[in-house]
N, C-alpha and C. Protein backbone atom coordinates (compact mmCIF):
# COMPACT_ATOMS: atom_id res chain seq x y z
N MET A 1 63.53 90.67 99.76
CA MET A 1 64.48 90.04 98.86
C MET A 1 65.56 89.38 99.69
N GLY A 2 65.86 88.13 99.41
CA GLY A 2 66.88 87.39 100.14
C GLY A 2 68.29 87.77 99.71
N SER A 3 69.24 87.29 100.47
CA SER A 3 70.65 87.51 100.16
C SER A 3 71.11 86.52 99.10
N LYS A 4 72.19 86.87 98.42
CA LYS A 4 72.81 85.96 97.46
C LYS A 4 73.93 85.23 98.18
N TRP A 5 74.02 83.93 97.94
CA TRP A 5 75.06 83.11 98.55
C TRP A 5 76.36 83.41 97.84
N TYR A 6 77.33 83.94 98.57
CA TYR A 6 78.59 84.40 98.00
C TYR A 6 79.71 83.36 98.16
N THR A 7 80.00 82.96 99.41
CA THR A 7 81.04 81.97 99.66
C THR A 7 80.71 81.13 100.89
N VAL A 8 81.40 80.02 100.99
CA VAL A 8 81.53 79.26 102.23
C VAL A 8 82.99 79.44 102.62
N THR A 9 83.25 79.77 103.87
CA THR A 9 84.61 80.01 104.32
C THR A 9 85.11 78.81 105.10
N VAL A 10 86.32 78.39 104.77
CA VAL A 10 86.96 77.25 105.41
C VAL A 10 88.20 77.76 106.15
N ASP A 11 88.30 77.46 107.43
CA ASP A 11 89.50 77.78 108.20
C ASP A 11 90.59 76.77 107.87
N SER A 12 91.83 77.24 107.81
CA SER A 12 92.92 76.35 107.41
C SER A 12 94.26 76.81 107.99
N SER A 13 95.10 75.85 108.32
CA SER A 13 96.47 76.19 108.72
C SER A 13 97.34 76.40 107.47
N ASP A 14 96.88 75.94 106.32
CA ASP A 14 97.63 76.08 105.06
C ASP A 14 96.64 76.34 103.92
N PRO A 15 96.15 77.57 103.80
CA PRO A 15 95.12 77.87 102.81
C PRO A 15 95.49 77.50 101.37
N ALA A 16 96.73 77.70 100.96
CA ALA A 16 97.10 77.39 99.58
C ALA A 16 96.93 75.90 99.29
N THR A 17 97.33 75.04 100.23
CA THR A 17 97.21 73.60 100.04
C THR A 17 95.75 73.16 100.02
N ILE A 18 94.96 73.68 100.93
CA ILE A 18 93.54 73.30 100.99
C ILE A 18 92.80 73.85 99.77
N ALA A 19 93.16 75.05 99.31
CA ALA A 19 92.55 75.60 98.09
C ALA A 19 92.87 74.71 96.90
N LYS A 20 94.10 74.25 96.80
CA LYS A 20 94.49 73.36 95.70
C LYS A 20 93.68 72.06 95.75
N PHE A 21 93.52 71.48 96.94
CA PHE A 21 92.73 70.26 97.10
C PHE A 21 91.30 70.48 96.63
N TRP A 22 90.62 71.50 97.18
CA TRP A 22 89.21 71.72 96.85
C TRP A 22 89.03 72.15 95.40
N ALA A 23 89.98 72.88 94.84
CA ALA A 23 89.89 73.24 93.42
C ALA A 23 89.91 71.98 92.56
N ALA A 24 90.76 71.02 92.91
CA ALA A 24 90.80 69.75 92.16
C ALA A 24 89.52 68.96 92.36
N VAL A 25 88.99 68.94 93.58
CA VAL A 25 87.76 68.20 93.87
C VAL A 25 86.59 68.75 93.05
N LEU A 26 86.45 70.07 93.02
CA LEU A 26 85.28 70.70 92.42
C LEU A 26 85.48 71.17 90.98
N ASP A 27 86.67 70.96 90.44
CA ASP A 27 87.02 71.48 89.12
C ASP A 27 86.86 73.01 89.12
N TYR A 28 87.35 73.64 90.19
CA TYR A 28 87.36 75.09 90.35
C TYR A 28 88.76 75.59 90.05
N GLN A 29 88.92 76.90 90.09
CA GLN A 29 90.21 77.53 89.94
C GLN A 29 90.37 78.63 90.98
N VAL A 30 91.60 79.00 91.25
CA VAL A 30 91.87 80.10 92.17
C VAL A 30 91.48 81.39 91.45
N ILE A 31 90.56 82.15 92.05
CA ILE A 31 90.16 83.42 91.45
C ILE A 31 90.70 84.60 92.24
N TYR A 32 91.23 84.33 93.44
CA TYR A 32 91.83 85.39 94.25
C TYR A 32 92.79 84.73 95.23
N SER A 33 93.96 85.34 95.41
CA SER A 33 94.93 84.79 96.36
C SER A 33 95.68 85.93 97.02
N ALA A 34 95.68 85.91 98.34
CA ALA A 34 96.41 86.88 99.16
C ALA A 34 96.84 86.15 100.42
N PRO A 35 97.74 86.73 101.21
CA PRO A 35 98.18 86.04 102.43
C PRO A 35 97.04 85.71 103.40
N ASP A 36 95.98 86.53 103.38
CA ASP A 36 94.89 86.31 104.34
C ASP A 36 93.67 85.62 103.76
N GLU A 37 93.74 85.16 102.49
CA GLU A 37 92.57 84.50 101.90
C GLU A 37 92.92 83.95 100.51
N VAL A 38 92.42 82.75 100.23
CA VAL A 38 92.46 82.19 98.88
C VAL A 38 91.02 81.85 98.53
N VAL A 39 90.55 82.32 97.38
CA VAL A 39 89.18 82.07 96.95
C VAL A 39 89.21 81.23 95.68
N ILE A 40 88.42 80.16 95.68
CA ILE A 40 88.28 79.32 94.49
C ILE A 40 86.82 79.31 94.06
N ALA A 41 86.62 79.23 92.74
CA ALA A 41 85.28 79.15 92.17
C ALA A 41 85.39 78.58 90.76
N ARG A 42 84.27 78.26 90.18
CA ARG A 42 84.28 77.75 88.80
C ARG A 42 84.93 78.78 87.89
N ASP A 43 84.55 80.05 88.06
CA ASP A 43 85.17 81.17 87.35
C ASP A 43 84.85 82.43 88.15
N GLU A 44 85.29 83.57 87.66
CA GLU A 44 85.12 84.82 88.42
C GLU A 44 83.68 85.33 88.46
N LYS A 45 82.79 84.73 87.71
CA LYS A 45 81.40 85.18 87.67
C LYS A 45 80.42 84.19 88.28
N THR A 46 80.90 83.00 88.65
CA THR A 46 80.01 81.95 89.13
C THR A 46 80.23 81.73 90.63
N TYR A 47 79.17 81.88 91.38
CA TYR A 47 79.21 81.70 92.83
C TYR A 47 78.12 80.72 93.25
N PRO A 48 78.20 80.06 94.39
CA PRO A 48 79.09 80.38 95.50
C PRO A 48 80.52 79.88 95.25
N ALA A 49 81.41 80.50 95.97
CA ALA A 49 82.83 80.15 95.93
C ALA A 49 83.21 79.56 97.29
N LEU A 50 84.43 79.04 97.37
CA LEU A 50 85.01 78.66 98.65
C LEU A 50 86.11 79.66 98.96
N SER A 51 86.07 80.20 100.15
CA SER A 51 87.09 81.11 100.63
C SER A 51 87.86 80.39 101.72
N ILE A 52 89.17 80.27 101.57
CA ILE A 52 89.99 79.56 102.55
C ILE A 52 90.85 80.59 103.26
N VAL A 53 90.72 80.65 104.58
CA VAL A 53 91.42 81.67 105.36
C VAL A 53 92.32 81.02 106.40
N PRO A 54 93.45 81.68 106.71
CA PRO A 54 94.37 81.10 107.70
C PRO A 54 93.88 81.29 109.13
N VAL A 55 94.09 80.27 109.93
CA VAL A 55 93.84 80.33 111.37
C VAL A 55 95.01 79.65 112.07
N PRO A 56 95.34 80.09 113.28
CA PRO A 56 96.50 79.51 113.98
C PRO A 56 96.23 78.13 114.59
N GLU A 57 94.98 77.85 114.93
CA GLU A 57 94.67 76.60 115.61
C GLU A 57 94.29 75.51 114.62
N GLY A 58 94.51 74.27 115.02
CA GLY A 58 94.10 73.13 114.21
C GLY A 58 92.65 72.77 114.48
N LYS A 59 92.09 71.93 113.64
CA LYS A 59 90.71 71.45 113.81
C LYS A 59 90.66 70.49 115.00
N THR A 60 89.64 70.64 115.84
CA THR A 60 89.56 69.80 117.03
C THR A 60 88.24 69.05 117.19
N VAL A 61 87.17 69.51 116.57
CA VAL A 61 85.86 68.85 116.72
C VAL A 61 85.21 68.68 115.35
N LYS A 62 84.15 67.89 115.31
CA LYS A 62 83.39 67.65 114.08
C LYS A 62 82.83 68.97 113.54
N ASN A 63 82.84 69.09 112.21
CA ASN A 63 82.26 70.27 111.56
C ASN A 63 80.78 70.38 111.89
N ARG A 64 80.29 71.60 112.00
CA ARG A 64 78.85 71.83 112.15
C ARG A 64 78.20 72.06 110.78
N LEU A 65 79.01 72.32 109.77
CA LEU A 65 78.56 72.53 108.40
C LEU A 65 79.53 71.79 107.50
N HIS A 66 79.02 71.09 106.50
CA HIS A 66 79.93 70.38 105.60
C HIS A 66 79.39 70.38 104.18
N ILE A 67 80.24 70.00 103.26
CA ILE A 67 79.90 69.94 101.84
C ILE A 67 79.46 68.53 101.49
N ASP A 68 78.40 68.40 100.69
CA ASP A 68 77.98 67.13 100.11
C ASP A 68 78.31 67.18 98.63
N LEU A 69 79.02 66.17 98.15
CA LEU A 69 79.36 66.06 96.74
C LEU A 69 78.40 65.08 96.06
N ASN A 70 78.04 65.35 94.81
CA ASN A 70 77.10 64.53 94.07
C ASN A 70 77.75 64.05 92.77
N PRO A 71 78.59 63.01 92.85
CA PRO A 71 79.26 62.53 91.64
C PRO A 71 78.36 61.60 90.83
N GLU A 72 78.75 61.37 89.57
CA GLU A 72 78.03 60.39 88.75
C GLU A 72 78.30 58.97 89.22
N ASN A 73 79.52 58.72 89.74
CA ASN A 73 79.91 57.39 90.19
C ASN A 73 80.58 57.54 91.56
N GLN A 74 79.85 57.19 92.61
CA GLN A 74 80.33 57.38 93.98
C GLN A 74 81.65 56.66 94.24
N GLU A 75 81.73 55.39 93.88
CA GLU A 75 82.93 54.60 94.16
C GLU A 75 84.16 55.18 93.45
N ALA A 76 84.01 55.53 92.19
CA ALA A 76 85.13 56.10 91.44
C ALA A 76 85.54 57.45 92.01
N GLU A 77 84.57 58.24 92.43
CA GLU A 77 84.89 59.55 93.00
C GLU A 77 85.61 59.41 94.33
N VAL A 78 85.19 58.48 95.16
CA VAL A 78 85.88 58.25 96.44
C VAL A 78 87.34 57.90 96.18
N GLU A 79 87.59 57.05 95.22
CA GLU A 79 88.98 56.68 94.90
C GLU A 79 89.77 57.87 94.38
N ARG A 80 89.15 58.70 93.55
CA ARG A 80 89.81 59.90 93.03
C ARG A 80 90.16 60.85 94.17
N LEU A 81 89.23 61.02 95.10
CA LEU A 81 89.45 61.92 96.24
C LEU A 81 90.56 61.41 97.16
N ILE A 82 90.62 60.11 97.35
CA ILE A 82 91.71 59.53 98.14
C ILE A 82 93.04 59.84 97.46
N GLY A 83 93.08 59.75 96.15
CA GLY A 83 94.28 60.09 95.41
C GLY A 83 94.68 61.55 95.53
N LEU A 84 93.70 62.42 95.80
CA LEU A 84 93.98 63.84 95.99
C LEU A 84 94.40 64.17 97.42
N GLY A 85 94.26 63.20 98.34
CA GLY A 85 94.67 63.44 99.72
C GLY A 85 93.57 63.34 100.75
N ALA A 86 92.34 63.02 100.33
CA ALA A 86 91.25 62.83 101.28
C ALA A 86 91.36 61.45 101.90
N LYS A 87 90.61 61.23 102.98
CA LYS A 87 90.55 59.90 103.56
C LYS A 87 89.14 59.62 104.05
N ARG A 88 88.78 58.34 104.03
CA ARG A 88 87.49 57.90 104.60
C ARG A 88 87.58 58.06 106.11
N ILE A 89 86.48 58.48 106.72
CA ILE A 89 86.47 58.60 108.18
C ILE A 89 85.15 58.06 108.74
N ASP A 90 85.17 57.72 110.00
CA ASP A 90 83.97 57.26 110.70
C ASP A 90 83.66 58.27 111.78
N ILE A 91 82.51 58.91 111.65
CA ILE A 91 82.05 59.86 112.67
C ILE A 91 80.84 59.29 113.40
N GLY A 92 80.68 57.96 113.30
CA GLY A 92 79.54 57.31 113.92
C GLY A 92 78.32 57.26 113.03
N GLN A 93 78.51 57.40 111.72
CA GLN A 93 77.38 57.45 110.80
C GLN A 93 76.68 56.12 110.60
N GLY A 94 77.30 55.02 110.97
CA GLY A 94 76.67 53.72 110.80
C GLY A 94 76.53 53.35 109.34
N GLU A 95 75.54 52.50 109.02
CA GLU A 95 75.30 52.06 107.65
C GLU A 95 74.49 53.12 106.92
N VAL A 96 75.12 53.80 105.99
CA VAL A 96 74.46 54.86 105.22
C VAL A 96 74.83 54.71 103.75
N THR A 97 74.12 55.42 102.89
CA THR A 97 74.38 55.32 101.45
C THR A 97 75.46 56.29 100.98
N TRP A 98 75.92 57.18 101.84
CA TRP A 98 76.97 58.13 101.48
C TRP A 98 78.27 57.73 102.15
N VAL A 99 79.37 58.31 101.68
CA VAL A 99 80.68 58.04 102.24
C VAL A 99 81.16 59.32 102.92
N VAL A 100 81.51 59.21 104.19
CA VAL A 100 82.04 60.36 104.92
C VAL A 100 83.56 60.36 104.75
N MET A 101 84.07 61.53 104.37
CA MET A 101 85.50 61.68 104.13
C MET A 101 86.00 62.95 104.82
N ALA A 102 87.31 63.11 104.85
CA ALA A 102 87.92 64.32 105.40
C ALA A 102 88.96 64.82 104.41
N ASP A 103 89.05 66.15 104.30
CA ASP A 103 90.08 66.74 103.44
C ASP A 103 91.43 66.63 104.16
N PRO A 104 92.52 67.07 103.56
CA PRO A 104 93.83 66.90 104.19
C PRO A 104 94.00 67.54 105.56
N GLU A 105 93.13 68.47 105.93
CA GLU A 105 93.20 69.07 107.27
C GLU A 105 92.13 68.53 108.21
N GLY A 106 91.36 67.52 107.76
CA GLY A 106 90.39 66.88 108.63
C GLY A 106 88.98 67.41 108.55
N ASN A 107 88.69 68.34 107.65
CA ASN A 107 87.33 68.86 107.48
C ASN A 107 86.46 67.81 106.81
N GLU A 108 85.36 67.45 107.45
CA GLU A 108 84.50 66.40 106.94
C GLU A 108 83.68 66.87 105.74
N PHE A 109 83.41 65.94 104.85
CA PHE A 109 82.48 66.14 103.74
C PHE A 109 81.92 64.78 103.35
N CYS A 110 80.84 64.78 102.59
CA CYS A 110 80.20 63.52 102.20
C CYS A 110 80.17 63.37 100.69
N VAL A 111 80.31 62.12 100.26
CA VAL A 111 80.18 61.78 98.85
C VAL A 111 78.90 60.96 98.72
N LEU A 112 77.91 61.54 98.06
CA LEU A 112 76.60 60.91 97.93
C LEU A 112 76.58 59.94 96.75
N ARG A 113 75.55 59.11 96.73
CA ARG A 113 75.27 58.35 95.51
C ARG A 113 74.76 59.35 94.49
N ALA A 114 74.84 59.02 93.21
CA ALA A 114 74.40 59.93 92.15
C ALA A 114 72.95 60.32 92.39
N ARG A 115 72.69 61.60 92.25
CA ARG A 115 71.33 62.14 92.37
C ARG A 115 71.07 63.04 91.17
N GLU A 116 69.83 63.15 90.79
CA GLU A 116 69.48 64.03 89.67
C GLU A 116 69.80 65.48 90.02
N GLN A 117 70.30 66.21 89.03
CA GLN A 117 70.56 67.63 89.22
C GLN A 117 69.28 68.41 88.97
N PRO A 118 69.05 69.47 89.75
CA PRO A 118 67.85 70.28 89.52
C PRO A 118 67.92 71.04 88.22
């Protein structure tokens, strides 16, 4: 029997701010908050969640793991995310159908073209 996917953990110099950003992006809510961790999820029974934990160092290299978002309208979602504090970035991706962005602390993520949900 395999494991259940519980959370993805994001390192942050300001967990409350990053939790607020990702909660707005994903339409999640804070389900747990303490000085050493903020957890956001759709609700307290739906996982996986995002766990944001404090770290003293800033981000210095490209993420080895990132989130892909699947909006109904890629262009509109990119504009919404920019309004929330994200920015478009170039990591050398060249001409692709997705948009590479970074959250307010520089963590990369991608905004895909609309895809069918399973």
